[in-house]
Amino acid sequence: MCFSKSLPSCLKKALVDKFKQFTEYQLAKYNTRKHRCKHNKKRKKGREISDLQWKKWGELLRVDGSILKKYLESQNRATKDKKQSEFNLKKMIKRLHIKEPAEYVMAILGKKYPSDLKGFSRSGLSGVWDRERAGKRMKLKQPDTWECRLSQEGNKAATWEKLIDRKSLPFMAMLRNLRNMISVGISEKHHSVILNRLTSKNAVIQSRQFPFRFLSAYKVILELGKFAGGPAVEVPSSKEILRDIVKKLPKSKRFKRHNWDTTVRKRVRITMRVPFIYRIFNAKRNLLRKANQRLYTQELLKKYCSSLEKAVQISCKYNIPPLPGRTLVICSTGFSEDRDWSGAEDVCLPPESTDNIDNDKLSASMQEAALLLCMMINYCSEDSQVMLHRYQDFQEFKFKSDVLLDNVRQAMKQVNDINDGKTESEFKTFSTLFTRMTEEKMKLDRIVVLENGYTNGALMTIINNYRQDTNPDAVVIEVLLRNRLSGDDVKYELESNTVKLCGFSEQILKFVSERGSSRMLQHVEHMDRLYNIPPPQGRKTEPERPTDVIPLPATPKLRWKGVRVFISSTFRDMHAERDVLVRSVFPELRRRAAAHYLYLQEVELRWGVTEEESNRAVELCLSEVCRSQLLLGILGERYGLVPPRPTLPELPQYSWVII
């Protein structure tokens, strides 16, 4: 129970004191009929569907009954218990013996107003006794929320416009109701207000919404684009709508020879005898009819798409907690398409062009969802690398843009090239990568591995060997996207510093950003030593090691910024100086700059130019100089190579070069 005897008395007192600070509006908002368990007394409980009924429905839909049952169970999300059996305001007041403010306490408990002056004086109510209220049940004033107003006045353009004008529509509610507001046809003025809120830096930061929320709204906009502008589109017939619905159901071996495209109209319409098919059909037909009213244009939807892309970028930059230290992200390229997988059904990867979009393929695939997670983790990391692996080989993904969605699209192209065998870059093995890290004593704070549905045993063995040799405190987070268990969106297993997450949810990103730090685990583990808490009586004390006690660094209020330093010198006579810079000077500078949330990155081209790119060495060096903030020149006795006059593109970044 939430309020058991084990609750500390100091916390009970704090809860009692905090209760006095809540207003009547706040208490009434979270004390609705649902929270008071009065919402389902007259509701009839649904009958349990028998195996015979599943078999009949399966015959109508050309699917085995057991397969149909499993498919529907996987599609239905676990409903939350709105009875709140373990916590509600009424139970909290009783358990903590809250008495003030008496007006609100008596209303929540459902007490009657005192019938005489004597009872009024004992009740502790303030003010003067009201004869008209005597003996009546006390209630909190119904809060005037946007949900109440919408239910009273209906889903109309005038209702939404009033809510926007009064500024009573919260950001999250606005984001989730974009479809309704656009479909009912609110005015151009109110569209501008919404677009400004979506692109407002302060509004997005205050909303605390993760990027996946904005990508879900992006999918809604693309769905509306089918009927935007142009001539009236004829609503598909009932036969076509039903075909689209039943074709998405899993196929059984017994019915493989049957094809819904060649099935006669009468046989297709029989499928409406199945209740859930009938509900989906009605909802889809009504949505198509409503969207065909053309109360919005394609230009308006493009503005929304552009605004949501900006909101995604702002959310990635400010709403995801920063990850200190070094992070290695390893993403598999072997995510196969699975019709039954619906982890990212509400998320959409914005395409490069919104023309000629297939509405049946708007949801992000498993590979796209994995890459979205990778890029978001990289975006909030102080220092990170992203590796795309195939079996035991990998390729490093090189970022060419600061825009998150552009990087995801570029990564998808690289994944497709790897799977098709069209990639020009060479593959390297993971043993080579981690051996080099061990030799250079490069410590990783966390390693994030995204796999299809099974653990890559060989890869995890190499990672464990690296942790034993170099950094045993490194946190390993393994994400299995396909391995979704029934009942839970995400399930995790914790073993020392290894965490296994199953399924897909935006909570994975939150978990990685908030708990994926070995320093946090060490801080909690050595809390007693850090604050000099004496051990329990009878327990043996272990000898204290100074390296064990690691104070938890404060969460930075500023975002990490990268500073690139380009090292320029002749190669042959400056090897020793460059080695001193890379091995000694820059690590110390990086440590000092970290206190100011600056990540120092040296640009060393001794190993960065391949033989194929040697003809463009000058152009590559100049492009790296343009991307750097500082240039460090080392002069010696050698004059160096005099390259031929380069042909540079006419771009603004090369305007400073004098040829």
Foldseek 3Di string as FASTA:
>chain_A
DVLDPPPDPVVLVVVLVVVQVDDLQVQLVQLDCLQCVNPPPPPDDDDDDDLVNLCVLCVLLQHHSVQQVVLVLLVDADDDRSPPPPDDPLVSCVSSVRQPPLLSNQQSVFHAQAQDPVVNVVSNHDDDRDNVRHRPTRHRDNHPALVVQCVVPHLAQVSVVVCLVVVRQQPLNCLVCVLSNQLRQHDPVSLVVNLCLLLDLVNLLVVLDALQSLQLSLLSLLVLLVQADDDQDDQDDLLVLLLVVSVLRDHDPVRPVDDSVPDDSVSSVVSCVPPVSVVVSVVVSVVSVSSRVNSHHPVSSVSSNVSSLSSNLSNLQRSFFAAEFEEEEEEELPADFDSSACQQVSGAQDDPDSPPDDSVPGTDTPRLLSLLLVLSNCSRYLHYWYWYDDQFWIDTQDDDDNRSSVSSVVVVVVSVCVVVVNDPDDIDGVLVVLVVCLVLLPDGFEYEYEDAADDNVVNVVSVCVSCVRRNVLRAYEYEHANNADRPDQWDWDDDRRYIYIYHDDVVVSNCCRPPNGSLVVLQVVCVCVVVVPDDDPPDDDDDDDPVSHRHDDDRDPDGAEEAEEEEDDADPPCVVVVCCCVSPVQVVVQVVCVVVRYGYHYDDCPPVADPVCPVVVVVVSLVVVLVHDHYHYDDDDDPHDDDPDDDDDPDPSCPVDDD
